């Protein structure tokens, strides 16, 4: 099943895990919306700097550390995703609690591992 996935913390740097996640998500035929701080393009997709309004979001995968998450909590809630993946280094108990209280599944997992093991 094709799952619309928002990658928050997207980067044009090929050494960043968010870059690899966009690449692998596309290879698995998911709709990907990269959101990041710096303008740029990833595999023909524009990196959004403006927190775009989106619908039918299945998954949000985070590549933003805890100290930079406060400004995206309301945005993630507005997307009403089915689940949010906190990749290694992004864990945030208070954010996770807010999501769970709103009926959103919370996973502390690695998007890259999930894709490679068909658990995504």
Protein backbone atom coordinates (compact mmCIF):
# COMPACT_ATOMS: atom_id res chain seq x y z
CA UNK A 1 0.00 0.00 0.00
CA UNK A 2 1.23 3.45 -0.94
CA UNK A 3 1.53 5.56 2.23
CA UNK A 4 1.82 9.35 2.00
CA UNK A 5 4.79 10.12 4.23
CA UNK A 6 6.01 13.50 5.44
CA UNK A 7 9.75 13.55 6.17
CA UNK A 8 10.41 16.35 8.67
CA UNK A 9 14.06 17.35 8.76
CA UNK A 10 14.66 16.55 5.08
CA UNK A 11 18.15 17.41 3.84
CA UNK A 12 19.95 17.52 0.51
CA UNK A 13 23.06 16.12 2.22
CA UNK A 14 23.48 12.48 1.06
CA UNK A 15 25.16 11.64 4.36
CA UNK A 16 22.01 12.48 6.38
CA UNK A 17 19.55 9.73 7.32
CA UNK A 18 16.63 11.93 6.22
CA UNK A 19 18.10 12.00 2.69
CA UNK A 20 18.37 8.20 2.67
CA UNK A 21 14.81 7.90 4.02
CA UNK A 22 13.39 9.99 1.16
CA UNK A 23 15.38 7.91 -1.33
CA UNK A 24 14.17 4.58 0.14
CA UNK A 25 10.56 5.72 0.55
CA UNK A 26 10.47 6.69 -3.14
CA UNK A 27 12.07 3.36 -4.09
CA UNK A 28 9.21 1.66 -2.21
CA UNK A 29 6.67 3.76 -4.20
CA UNK A 30 5.42 5.91 -1.31
CA UNK A 31 4.25 9.49 -1.83
CA UNK A 32 6.87 11.61 -0.07
CA UNK A 33 6.65 15.21 1.10
CA UNK A 34 10.06 16.46 2.28
CA UNK A 35 9.93 19.29 4.84
CA UNK A 36 13.12 20.99 5.98
CA UNK A 37 14.82 24.19 7.00
CA UNK A 38 16.93 24.73 3.90
CA UNK A 39 15.52 25.11 0.42
CA UNK A 40 16.51 22.47 -2.06
CA UNK A 41 15.41 19.52 -4.08
CA UNK A 42 15.55 15.80 -3.39
CA UNK A 43 15.03 13.33 -6.22
CA UNK A 44 12.88 15.85 -8.09
CA UNK A 45 10.86 16.84 -5.01
CA UNK A 46 10.99 20.34 -3.56
CA UNK A 47 11.92 20.53 0.12
CA UNK A 48 9.10 22.54 1.71
CA UNK A 49 10.21 25.23 4.15
CA UNK A 50 6.69 26.45 4.90
CA UNK A 51 4.99 23.52 6.69
CA UNK A 52 2.49 22.87 3.88
CA UNK A 53 -1.14 21.96 4.59
CA UNK A 54 -1.63 18.36 3.52
CA UNK A 55 -4.36 15.75 3.63
CA UNK A 56 -4.39 11.95 3.67
CA UNK A 57 -1.07 11.74 5.52
CA UNK A 58 -0.36 8.21 6.70
CA UNK A 59 3.04 8.65 8.34
CA UNK A 60 5.22 11.46 9.64
CA UNK A 61 8.83 10.43 10.13
CA UNK A 62 10.96 12.76 12.25
CA UNK A 63 14.60 13.65 11.71
CA UNK A 64 14.53 16.70 14.00
CA UNK A 65 16.05 16.63 17.49
CA UNK A 66 13.97 17.22 20.61
CA UNK A 67 15.19 20.80 21.05
CA UNK A 68 13.75 21.77 17.65
CA UNK A 69 10.43 19.94 17.92
CA UNK A 70 8.29 22.46 19.85
CA UNK A 71 7.69 24.51 16.70
CA UNK A 72 6.38 21.49 14.75
CA UNK A 73 4.04 19.88 17.30
CA UNK A 74 0.96 21.82 16.14
CA UNK A 75 1.93 21.20 12.51
CA UNK A 76 2.21 17.44 12.99
CA UNK A 77 -1.15 17.40 14.80
CA UNK A 78 -2.71 19.39 11.92
CA UNK A 79 -1.64 16.65 9.48
CA UNK A 80 -3.66 14.11 11.49
CA UNK A 81 -1.35 11.23 10.54
CA UNK A 82 -2.08 7.63 11.42
CA UNK A 83 1.41 7.33 12.96
CA UNK A 84 4.56 9.27 13.77
CA UNK A 85 7.97 7.61 13.70
CA UNK A 86 10.58 8.98 16.10
CA UNK A 87 13.86 7.94 14.50
CA UNK A 88 16.90 7.35 16.75
CA UNK A 89 17.91 10.61 18.40
CA UNK A 90 14.48 12.26 18.05
CA UNK A 91 12.72 10.65 21.03
CA UNK A 92 10.59 13.11 23.01
CA UNK A 93 8.30 11.77 25.74
CA UNK A 94 6.10 14.88 26.01
CA UNK A 95 5.57 15.11 22.21
CA UNK A 96 4.88 11.37 22.08
CA UNK A 97 2.27 11.73 24.86
CA UNK A 98 0.50 14.57 23.02
CA UNK A 99 0.33 12.44 19.88
CA UNK A 100 -0.98 9.39 21.76
CA UNK A 101 -3.65 11.54 23.46
CA UNK A 102 -4.79 12.53 19.97
CA UNK A 103 -5.12 8.90 18.84
CA UNK A 104 -1.95 8.91 16.75
CA UNK A 105 0.24 5.82 16.83
CA UNK A 106 3.75 6.56 18.10
CA UNK A 107 6.76 4.45 17.13
CA UNK A 108 10.32 4.75 18.34
CA UNK A 109 11.86 3.10 15.32
CA UNK A 110 14.10 3.59 12.31
CA UNK A 111 12.35 4.30 9.04
CA UNK A 112 15.28 2.85 7.08
CA UNK A 113 15.18 -0.43 9.01
CA UNK A 114 11.38 -0.61 8.74
CA UNK A 115 11.60 -0.22 4.96
CA UNK A 116 14.37 -2.78 4.58
CA UNK A 117 12.45 -5.36 6.63
CA UNK A 118 9.04 -4.64 4.99
CA UNK A 119 7.62 -3.40 8.30
CA UNK A 120 6.81 0.08 7.02
